[in-house]
Amino acid sequence: MPPTPSTPRGRLAGLGLILLLVALAVLRSHAGTRLDGYTVDEPWHIVAGVSYLRTGDFRLNPEHPPLSKLAVAAAIPDDFKLRPLAPLSEKSQERELVEETMYFDNDSRGTQAAARVGMWTFHAVLLVLLGLALWQAFGLAWAAGTLAFLAIEPTVGAHLPVVMTDLPLALCFGLAAVCAGLLASQWRWRWVVSCGVAVGLALGSKHSALAGVAGMAAVLAVAALWGLRQGGLRTMAARMAKLGVAALLALVVLWAQYGFRFNAG
């Protein structure tokens, strides 16, 4: 008989299946994008991310949160050169700075190769986490089916190696939504932590996550208030406290991406 998901062998087999599907998604993406060049904003995000990581200065590209830029910066070689940051008053000056840094001062092809590895790794981690969350929420069949669909979906494959904010937002917000559903159904501390971290990652992916997070918070608030009918005032208060912890954790995760010191002028 095949192992069931509730046994150690079953859990190990399920984890292996998730890792296999994510690996196949990356391999399929590599085959389909091996001849692709940079998108128009990738040099901007790469240079900004390296600047964030090395200097703690977030002046470049501040309109986008830093998560994907920090992720790719960790994969960029140490010999990547940065220009000193001069006062910038126009976005055209900023674009000129980052493009000259990429194409005049550095090996742009070598940097792209490193960036692609960094983004494949980053997105693969998010896909694995999403698969594990879906397994907990709906079962292994739904998790495997979702990952299999994402592995063959052409838009996802095209974005897996690209230094942009759209796919990180989709994956982080999907992870946050699943964790929020688990929190609303079980109210266990592990889902409080998972939901808080996932929401913080979603907010760090792209500013448009705010709208989705607001809707998610409203649904969770209703679920917490419903505790008044299910278990009385104490149950409702406990749920509201857990939501507060999750919200605080989300802010800490977001703020940590800025090194706990960013101030927008």
C-alpha atoms as a PDB file:
ATOM      1  CA  MET A   1       0.000   0.000   0.000  1.00  0.00           C
ATOM      2  CA  PRO A   2       1.232   3.552  -0.693  1.00  0.00           C
ATOM      3  CA  PRO A   3       2.164   5.639   2.354  1.00  0.00           C
ATOM      4  CA  THR A   4      -0.564   7.930   3.697  1.00  0.00           C
ATOM      5  CA  PRO A   5       0.134  11.643   4.363  1.00  0.00           C
ATOM      6  CA  SER A   6      -0.318  11.129   8.127  1.00  0.00           C
ATOM      7  CA  THR A   7       2.644   8.741   8.430  1.00  0.00           C
ATOM      8  CA  PRO A   8       6.329   9.781   8.490  1.00  0.00           C
ATOM      9  CA  ARG A   9       6.856   8.069   5.142  1.00  0.00           C
ATOM     10  CA  GLY A  10       3.791   9.802   3.748  1.00  0.00           C
ATOM     11  CA  ARG A  11       4.960  13.221   4.928  1.00  0.00           C
ATOM     12  CA  LEU A  12       8.400  12.600   3.475  1.00  0.00           C
ATOM     13  CA  ALA A  13       6.884  11.487   0.167  1.00  0.00           C
ATOM     14  CA  GLY A  14       4.636  14.558   0.100  1.00  0.00           C
ATOM     15  CA  LEU A  15       7.557  16.876   0.741  1.00  0.00           C
ATOM     16  CA  GLY A  16       9.524  15.118  -1.986  1.00  0.00           C
ATOM     17  CA  LEU A  17       6.653  15.597  -4.423  1.00  0.00           C
ATOM     18  CA  ILE A  18       6.444  19.311  -3.650  1.00  0.00           C
ATOM     19  CA  LEU A  19      10.202  19.758  -4.079  1.00  0.00           C
ATOM     20  CA  LEU A  20      10.116  17.794  -7.338  1.00  0.00           C
ATOM     21  CA  LEU A  21       7.319  19.927  -8.792  1.00  0.00           C
ATOM     22  CA  VAL A  22       9.103  23.148  -7.840  1.00  0.00           C
ATOM     23  CA  ALA A  23      12.349  21.855  -9.364  1.00  0.00           C
ATOM     24  CA  LEU A  24      10.490  20.987 -12.568  1.00  0.00           C
ATOM     25  CA  ALA A  25       8.998  24.501 -12.621  1.00  0.00           C
ATOM     26  CA  VAL A  26      12.485  26.015 -12.438  1.00  0.00           C
ATOM     27  CA  LEU A  27      13.872  23.682 -15.118  1.00  0.00           C
ATOM     28  CA  ARG A  28      10.948  24.449 -17.403  1.00  0.00           C
ATOM     29  CA  SER A  29      11.476  28.175 -16.814  1.00  0.00           C
ATOM     30  CA  HIS A  30      15.182  27.837 -17.616  1.00  0.00           C
ATOM     31  CA  ALA A  31      14.434  26.090 -20.891  1.00  0.00           C
ATOM     32  CA  GLY A  32      11.903  28.705 -21.939  1.00  0.00           C
ATOM     33  CA  THR A  33      13.827  31.832 -20.942  1.00  0.00           C
ATOM     34  CA  ARG A  34      17.451  30.938 -21.627  1.00  0.00           C
ATOM     35  CA  LEU A  35      17.694  33.463 -24.482  1.00  0.00           C
ATOM     36  CA  ASP A  36      15.868  36.314 -22.730  1.00  0.00           C
ATOM     37  CA  GLY A  37      17.562  39.634 -22.074  1.00  0.00           C
ATOM     38  CA  TYR A  38      16.811  42.161 -19.369  1.00  0.00           C
ATOM     39  CA  THR A  39      13.365  43.663 -18.974  1.00  0.00           C
ATOM     40  CA  VAL A  40      13.347  47.448 -18.871  1.00  0.00           C
ATOM     41  CA  ASP A  41      13.292  47.727 -15.061  1.00  0.00           C
ATOM     42  CA  GLU A  42      15.624  44.891 -14.087  1.00  0.00           C
ATOM     43  CA  PRO A  43      18.853  46.950 -14.045  1.00  0.00           C
ATOM     44  CA  TRP A  44      17.068  49.447 -11.822  1.00  0.00           C
ATOM     45  CA  HIS A  45      15.971  46.795  -9.330  1.00  0.00           C
ATOM     46  CA  ILE A  46      19.336  45.017  -9.309  1.00  0.00           C
ATOM     47  CA  VAL A  47      21.414  48.149  -8.751  1.00  0.00           C
ATOM     48  CA  ALA A  48      18.969  49.408  -6.132  1.00  0.00           C
ATOM     49  CA  GLY A  49      19.023  46.051  -4.332  1.00  0.00           C
ATOM     50  CA  VAL A  50      22.817  45.915  -4.233  1.00  0.00           C
ATOM     51  CA  SER A  51      22.856  49.468  -2.911  1.00  0.00           C
ATOM     52  CA  TYR A  52      20.333  48.554  -0.207  1.00  0.00           C
ATOM     53  CA  LEU A  53      22.267  45.490   0.871  1.00  0.00           C
ATOM     54  CA  ARG A  54      25.713  47.089   0.930  1.00  0.00           C
ATOM     55  CA  THR A  55      25.009  50.592   2.168  1.00  0.00           C
ATOM     56  CA  GLY A  56      21.656  50.494   3.940  1.00  0.00           C
ATOM     57  CA  ASP A  57      20.632  53.449   1.780  1.00  0.00           C
ATOM     58  CA  PHE A  58      17.167  53.110   0.234  1.00  0.00           C
ATOM     59  CA  ARG A  59      17.126  56.230  -1.951  1.00  0.00           C
ATOM     60  CA  LEU A  60      17.117  54.332  -5.252  1.00  0.00           C
ATOM     61  CA  ASN A  61      13.714  53.136  -6.443  1.00  0.00           C
ATOM     62  CA  PRO A  62      11.978  53.856  -3.111  1.00  0.00           C
ATOM     63  CA  GLU A  63       8.502  53.569  -4.659  1.00  0.00           C
ATOM     64  CA  HIS A  64       8.839  49.774  -4.701  1.00  0.00           C
ATOM     65  CA  PRO A  65       9.296  47.805  -1.448  1.00  0.00           C
ATOM     66  CA  PRO A  66      12.624  46.005  -1.140  1.00  0.00           C
ATOM     67  CA  LEU A  67      11.935  42.267  -0.856  1.00  0.00           C
ATOM     68  CA  SER A  68      12.711  41.065  -4.387  1.00  0.00           C
ATOM     69  CA  LYS A  69      15.556  43.577  -4.734  1.00  0.00           C
ATOM     70  CA  LEU A  70      17.204  42.326  -1.554  1.00  0.00           C
ATOM     71  CA  ALA A  71      16.713  38.719  -2.648  1.00  0.00           C
ATOM     72  CA  VAL A  72      18.504  39.252  -5.943  1.00  0.00           C
ATOM     73  CA  ALA A  73      21.218  41.414  -4.385  1.00  0.00           C
ATOM     74  CA  ALA A  74      22.281  38.478  -2.214  1.00  0.00           C
ATOM     75  CA  ALA A  75      23.175  36.583  -5.421  1.00  0.00           C
ATOM     76  CA  ILE A  76      25.153  39.389  -7.096  1.00  0.00           C
ATOM     77  CA  PRO A  77      28.955  38.887  -6.964  1.00  0.00           C
ATOM     78  CA  ASP A  78      31.028  41.026  -4.616  1.00  0.00           C
ATOM     79  CA  ASP A  79      32.930  42.580  -7.524  1.00  0.00           C
ATOM     80  CA  PHE A  80      29.799  44.366  -8.762  1.00  0.00           C
ATOM     81  CA  LYS A  81      30.654  48.087  -8.741  1.00  0.00           C
ATOM     82  CA  LEU A  82      28.412  50.826  -7.406  1.00  0.00           C
ATOM     83  CA  ARG A  83      28.729  54.532  -8.154  1.00  0.00           C
ATOM     84  CA  PRO A  84      28.615  57.020  -5.279  1.00  0.00           C
ATOM     85  CA  LEU A  85      25.065  58.264  -4.830  1.00  0.00           C
ATOM     86  CA  ALA A  86      24.697  61.872  -5.906  1.00  0.00           C
ATOM     87  CA  PRO A  87      21.676  64.049  -5.059  1.00  0.00           C
ATOM     88  CA  LEU A  88      18.800  62.989  -7.332  1.00  0.00           C
ATOM     89  CA  SER A  89      15.810  65.208  -8.088  1.00  0.00           C
ATOM     90  CA  GLU A  90      14.286  63.494 -11.168  1.00  0.00           C
ATOM     91  CA  LYS A  91      13.502  59.878 -11.996  1.00  0.00           C
ATOM     92  CA  SER A  92      15.311  60.322 -15.307  1.00  0.00           C
ATOM     93  CA  GLN A  93      18.529  61.007 -13.372  1.00  0.00           C
ATOM     94  CA  GLU A  94      17.982  57.866 -11.344  1.00  0.00           C
ATOM     95  CA  ARG A  95      17.404  55.730 -14.437  1.00  0.00           C
ATOM     96  CA  GLU A  96      20.545  57.128 -16.043  1.00  0.00           C
ATOM     97  CA  LEU A  97      22.560  56.338 -12.923  1.00  0.00           C
ATOM     98  CA  VAL A  98      21.416  52.719 -12.628  1.00  0.00           C
ATOM     99  CA  GLU A  99      21.731  51.955 -16.339  1.00  0.00           C
ATOM    100  CA  GLU A 100      25.228  53.432 -16.581  1.00  0.00           C
ATOM    101  CA  THR A 101      26.177  51.466 -13.472  1.00  0.00           C
ATOM    102  CA  MET A 102      24.905  48.243 -15.019  1.00  0.00           C
ATOM    103  CA  TYR A 103      26.092  48.626 -18.613  1.00  0.00           C
ATOM    104  CA  PHE A 104      29.188  50.842 -18.341  1.00  0.00           C
ATOM    105  CA  ASP A 105      30.710  49.834 -15.005  1.00  0.00           C
ATOM    106  CA  ASN A 106      29.903  46.130 -14.810  1.00  0.00           C
ATOM    107  CA  ASP A 107      29.583  42.899 -16.787  1.00  0.00           C
ATOM    108  CA  SER A 108      25.856  43.110 -17.526  1.00  0.00           C
ATOM    109  CA  ARG A 109      25.595  39.559 -18.907  1.00  0.00           C
ATOM    110  CA  GLY A 110      27.391  38.023 -15.956  1.00  0.00           C
ATOM    111  CA  THR A 111      25.235  40.051 -13.596  1.00  0.00           C
ATOM    112  CA  GLN A 112      22.087  38.866 -15.353  1.00  0.00           C
ATOM    113  CA  ALA A 113      23.179  35.231 -15.018  1.00  0.00           C
ATOM    114  CA  ALA A 114      23.713  35.705 -11.279  1.00  0.00           C
ATOM    115  CA  ALA A 115      20.405  37.569 -10.939  1.00  0.00           C
ATOM    116  CA  ARG A 116      18.510  34.760 -12.674  1.00  0.00           C
ATOM    117  CA  VAL A 117      19.923  32.188 -10.249  1.00  0.00           C
ATOM    118  CA  GLY A 118      18.984  34.432  -7.343  1.00  0.00           C
ATOM    119  CA  MET A 119      15.400  34.884  -8.519  1.00  0.00           C
ATOM    120  CA  TRP A 120      14.931  31.198  -9.340  1.00  0.00           C
ATOM    121  CA  THR A 121      16.088  30.381  -5.807  1.00  0.00           C
ATOM    122  CA  PHE A 122      13.888  33.057  -4.225  1.00  0.00           C
ATOM    123  CA  HIS A 123      10.784  32.070  -6.165  1.00  0.00           C
ATOM    124  CA  ALA A 124      11.442  28.363  -5.562  1.00  0.00           C
ATOM    125  CA  VAL A 125      11.458  28.960  -1.801  1.00  0.00           C
ATOM    126  CA  LEU A 126       8.139  30.832  -2.070  1.00  0.00           C
ATOM    127  CA  LEU A 127       6.628  28.035  -4.166  1.00  0.00           C
ATOM    128  CA  VAL A 128       7.697  25.404  -1.639  1.00  0.00           C
ATOM    129  CA  LEU A 129       6.192  27.428   1.217  1.00  0.00           C
ATOM    130  CA  LEU A 130       2.980  27.903  -0.759  1.00  0.00           C
ATOM    131  CA  GLY A 131       2.814  24.179  -1.486  1.00  0.00           C
ATOM    132  CA  LEU A 132       3.290  23.316   2.192  1.00  0.00           C
ATOM    133  CA  ALA A 133       0.577  25.779   3.238  1.00  0.00           C
ATOM    134  CA  LEU A 134      -1.852  24.411   0.646  1.00  0.00           C
ATOM    135  CA  TRP A 135      -1.093  20.881   1.840  1.00  0.00           C
ATOM    136  CA  GLN A 136      -2.069  21.887   5.382  1.00  0.00           C
ATOM    137  CA  ALA A 137      -5.214  23.674   4.220  1.00  0.00           C
ATOM    138  CA  PHE A 138      -6.606  21.411   1.499  1.00  0.00           C
ATOM    139  CA  GLY A 139      -4.507  18.263   1.305  1.00  0.00           C
ATOM    140  CA  LEU A 140      -1.601  17.051  -0.767  1.00  0.00           C
ATOM    141  CA  ALA A 141      -3.610  16.567  -3.967  1.00  0.00           C
ATOM    142  CA  TRP A 142      -4.600  20.239  -4.069  1.00  0.00           C
ATOM    143  CA  ALA A 143      -1.071  21.354  -3.231  1.00  0.00           C
ATOM    144  CA  ALA A 144       0.464  19.171  -5.936  1.00  0.00           C
ATOM    145  CA  GLY A 145      -2.168  20.192  -8.477  1.00  0.00           C
ATOM    146  CA  THR A 146      -1.590  23.883  -7.806  1.00  0.00           C
ATOM    147  CA  LEU A 147       2.176  23.569  -8.119  1.00  0.00           C
ATOM    148  CA  ALA A 148       1.846  21.486 -11.269  1.00  0.00           C
ATOM    149  CA  PHE A 149      -0.343  24.164 -12.835  1.00  0.00           C
ATOM    150  CA  LEU A 150       2.115  26.910 -11.840  1.00  0.00           C
ATOM    151  CA  ALA A 151       4.957  24.831 -13.299  1.00  0.00           C
ATOM    152  CA  ILE A 152       3.350  24.716 -16.745  1.00  0.00           C
ATOM    153  CA  GLU A 153       1.763  28.201 -16.732  1.00  0.00           C
ATOM    154  CA  PRO A 154       3.754  30.253 -19.283  1.00  0.00           C
ATOM    155  CA  THR A 155       3.481  33.628 -17.538  1.00  0.00           C
ATOM    156  CA  VAL A 156       4.782  32.178 -14.279  1.00  0.00           C
ATOM    157  CA  GLY A 157       7.636  30.436 -16.097  1.00  0.00           C
ATOM    158  CA  ALA A 158       8.576  33.660 -17.858  1.00  0.00           C
ATOM    159  CA  HIS A 159       8.648  35.613 -14.584  1.00  0.00           C
ATOM    160  CA  LEU A 160      10.518  33.099 -12.419  1.00  0.00           C
ATOM    161  CA  PRO A 161      13.998  34.421 -13.348  1.00  0.00           C
ATOM    162  CA  VAL A 162      12.968  38.077 -13.751  1.00  0.00           C
ATOM    163  CA  VAL A 163      13.843  40.729 -11.159  1.00  0.00           C
ATOM    164  CA  MET A 164      10.397  42.276 -10.853  1.00  0.00           C
ATOM    165  CA  THR A 165       7.769  42.636  -8.141  1.00  0.00           C
ATOM    166  CA  ASP A 166       4.676  41.014  -9.691  1.00  0.00           C
ATOM    167  CA  LEU A 167       5.390  37.314  -9.184  1.00  0.00           C
ATOM    168  CA  PRO A 168       6.789  37.806  -5.657  1.00  0.00           C
ATOM    169  CA  LEU A 169       3.593  39.692  -4.806  1.00  0.00           C
ATOM    170  CA  ALA A 170       1.382  36.933  -6.249  1.00  0.00           C
ATOM    171  CA  LEU A 171       3.204  34.155  -4.402  1.00  0.00           C
ATOM    172  CA  CYS A 172       3.563  36.008  -1.088  1.00  0.00           C
ATOM    173  CA  PHE A 173      -0.031  37.168  -1.097  1.00  0.00           C
ATOM    174  CA  GLY A 174      -1.233  33.672  -2.019  1.00  0.00           C
ATOM    175  CA  LEU A 175       0.776  32.320   0.901  1.00  0.00           C
ATOM    176  CA  ALA A 176      -0.680  35.000   3.190  1.00  0.00           C
ATOM    177  CA  ALA A 177      -4.233  34.198   2.079  1.00  0.00           C
ATOM    178  CA  VAL A 178      -3.830  30.483   2.768  1.00  0.00           C
ATOM    179  CA  CYS A 179      -2.252  31.139   6.176  1.00  0.00           C
ATOM    180  CA  ALA A 180      -5.026  33.620   7.001  1.00  0.00           C
ATOM    181  CA  GLY A 181      -7.614  30.975   6.143  1.00  0.00           C
ATOM    182  CA  LEU A 182      -5.887  28.461   8.386  1.00  0.00           C
ATOM    183  CA  LEU A 183      -5.749  31.061  11.159  1.00  0.00           C
ATOM    184  CA  ALA A 184      -9.462  31.867  10.840  1.00  0.00           C
ATOM    185  CA  SER A 185     -10.389  28.181  10.955  1.00  0.00           C
ATOM    186  CA  GLN A 186      -8.086  27.000  13.753  1.00  0.00           C
ATOM    187  CA  TRP A 187      -6.768  30.031  15.706  1.00  0.00           C
ATOM    188  CA  ARG A 188      -3.540  28.225  16.526  1.00  0.00           C
ATOM    189  CA  TRP A 189      -0.368  30.126  17.330  1.00  0.00           C
ATOM    190  CA  ARG A 190       1.600  28.587  14.485  1.00  0.00           C
ATOM    191  CA  TRP A 191      -0.850  30.132  12.032  1.00  0.00           C
ATOM    192  CA  VAL A 192      -0.663  33.453  13.855  1.00  0.00           C
ATOM    193  CA  VAL A 193       3.089  33.463  13.226  1.00  0.00           C
ATOM    194  CA  SER A 194       2.783  32.121   9.688  1.00  0.00           C
ATOM    195  CA  CYS A 195       0.124  34.669   8.748  1.00  0.00           C
ATOM    196  CA  GLY A 196       2.086  37.559  10.236  1.00  0.00           C
ATOM    197  CA  VAL A 197       5.293  36.612   8.426  1.00  0.00           C
ATOM    198  CA  ALA A 198       3.489  36.006   5.122  1.00  0.00           C
ATOM    199  CA  VAL A 199       1.653  39.340   5.293  1.00  0.00           C
ATOM    200  CA  GLY A 200       4.943  41.097   6.047  1.00  0.00           C
ATOM    201  CA  LEU A 201       6.513  39.469   3.000  1.00  0.00           C
ATOM    202  CA  ALA A 202       3.547  40.445   0.828  1.00  0.00           C
ATOM    203  CA  LEU A 203       3.808  44.066   1.976  1.00  0.00           C
ATOM    204  CA  GLY A 204       7.525  43.953   1.199  1.00  0.00           C
ATOM    205  CA  SER A 205       6.842  42.652  -2.310  1.00  0.00           C
ATOM    206  CA  LYS A 206       4.797  45.485  -3.815  1.00  0.00           C
ATOM    207  CA  HIS A 207       2.780  48.454  -2.594  1.00  0.00           C
ATOM    208  CA  SER A 208      -0.397  47.125  -4.202  1.00  0.00           C
ATOM    209  CA  ALA A 209      -0.450  44.376  -1.553  1.00  0.00           C
ATOM    210  CA  LEU A 210      -2.039  46.954   0.762  1.00  0.00           C
ATOM    211  CA  ALA A 211      -5.475  46.588  -0.834  1.00  0.00           C
ATOM    212  CA  GLY A 212      -5.473  42.814  -0.521  1.00  0.00           C
ATOM    213  CA  VAL A 213      -4.127  42.908   3.026  1.00  0.00           C
ATOM    214  CA  ALA A 214      -6.907  45.324   4.010  1.00  0.00           C
ATOM    215  CA  GLY A 215      -9.534  42.906   2.694  1.00  0.00           C
ATOM    216  CA  MET A 216      -7.843  39.990   4.433  1.00  0.00           C
ATOM    217  CA  ALA A 217      -7.762  41.921   7.711  1.00  0.00           C
ATOM    218  CA  ALA A 218     -11.488  42.676   7.420  1.00  0.00           C
ATOM    219  CA  VAL A 219     -12.318  38.984   6.941  1.00  0.00           C
ATOM    220  CA  LEU A 220     -10.133  37.989   9.887  1.00  0.00           C
ATOM    221  CA  ALA A 221     -11.731  40.660  12.061  1.00  0.00           C
ATOM    222  CA  VAL A 222     -15.186  39.263  11.285  1.00  0.00           C
ATOM    223  CA  ALA A 223     -13.941  35.749  12.097  1.00  0.00           C
ATOM    224  CA  ALA A 224     -12.566  37.008  15.409  1.00  0.00           C
ATOM    225  CA  LEU A 225     -15.802  38.805  16.300  1.00  0.00           C
ATOM    226  CA  TRP A 226     -17.698  35.620  15.470  1.00  0.00           C
ATOM    227  CA  GLY A 227     -15.954  34.122  18.471  1.00  0.00           C
ATOM    228  CA  LEU A 228     -18.357  36.101  20.658  1.00  0.00           C
ATOM    229  CA  ARG A 229     -21.158  33.867  19.442  1.00  0.00           C
ATOM    230  CA  GLN A 230     -19.129  30.658  19.479  1.00  0.00           C
ATOM    231  CA  GLY A 231     -17.383  30.927  22.839  1.00  0.00           C
ATOM    232  CA  GLY A 232     -18.247  34.220  24.470  1.00  0.00           C
ATOM    233  CA  LEU A 233     -16.259  37.328  25.264  1.00  0.00           C
ATOM    234  CA  ARG A 234     -13.129  35.447  26.272  1.00  0.00           C
ATOM    235  CA  THR A 235     -12.927  33.609  22.933  1.00  0.00           C
ATOM    236  CA  MET A 236     -13.425  36.827  20.984  1.00  0.00           C
ATOM    237  CA  ALA A 237     -10.794  38.663  23.044  1.00  0.00           C
ATOM    238  CA  ALA A 238      -8.298  35.835  22.562  1.00  0.00           C
ATOM    239  CA  ARG A 239      -8.836  35.896  18.809  1.00  0.00           C
ATOM    240  CA  MET A 240      -8.493  39.681  18.635  1.00  0.00           C
ATOM    241  CA  ALA A 241      -5.255  39.458  20.614  1.00  0.00           C
ATOM    242  CA  LYS A 242      -3.895  36.885  18.182  1.00  0.00           C
ATOM    243  CA  LEU A 243      -4.797  39.153  15.271  1.00  0.00           C
ATOM    244  CA  GLY A 244      -2.935  41.961  16.979  1.00  0.00           C
ATOM    245  CA  VAL A 245       0.156  39.767  17.346  1.00  0.00           C
ATOM    246  CA  ALA A 246      -0.053  38.774  13.663  1.00  0.00           C
ATOM    247  CA  ALA A 247      -0.367  42.424  12.598  1.00  0.00           C
ATOM    248  CA  LEU A 248       2.569  43.452  14.770  1.00  0.00           C
ATOM    249  CA  LEU A 249       4.670  40.617  13.385  1.00  0.00           C
ATOM    250  CA  ALA A 250       3.800  41.674   9.822  1.00  0.00           C
ATOM    251  CA  LEU A 251       5.014  45.211  10.552  1.00  0.00           C
ATOM    252  CA  VAL A 252       8.225  43.866  12.105  1.00  0.00           C
ATOM    253  CA  VAL A 253       8.903  41.691   9.035  1.00  0.00           C
ATOM    254  CA  LEU A 254       8.270  44.649   6.707  1.00  0.00           C
ATOM    255  CA  TRP A 255      10.353  47.035   8.790  1.00  0.00           C
ATOM    256  CA  ALA A 256      13.191  44.481   9.017  1.00  0.00           C
ATOM    257  CA  GLN A 257      13.488  44.569   5.221  1.00  0.00           C
ATOM    258  CA  TYR A 258      14.449  48.236   5.613  1.00  0.00           C
ATOM    259  CA  GLY A 259      16.962  47.486   8.346  1.00  0.00           C
ATOM    260  CA  PHE A 260      14.643  49.148  10.902  1.00  0.00           C
ATOM    261  CA  ARG A 261      15.916  52.583   9.838  1.00  0.00           C
ATOM    262  CA  PHE A 262      14.374  53.763   6.559  1.00  0.00           C
ATOM    263  CA  ASN A 263      12.800  57.228   6.410  1.00  0.00           C
ATOM    264  CA  ALA A 264      11.168  58.488   3.209  1.00  0.00           C
ATOM    265  CA  GLY A 265      11.801  62.149   2.545  1.00  0.00           C
END
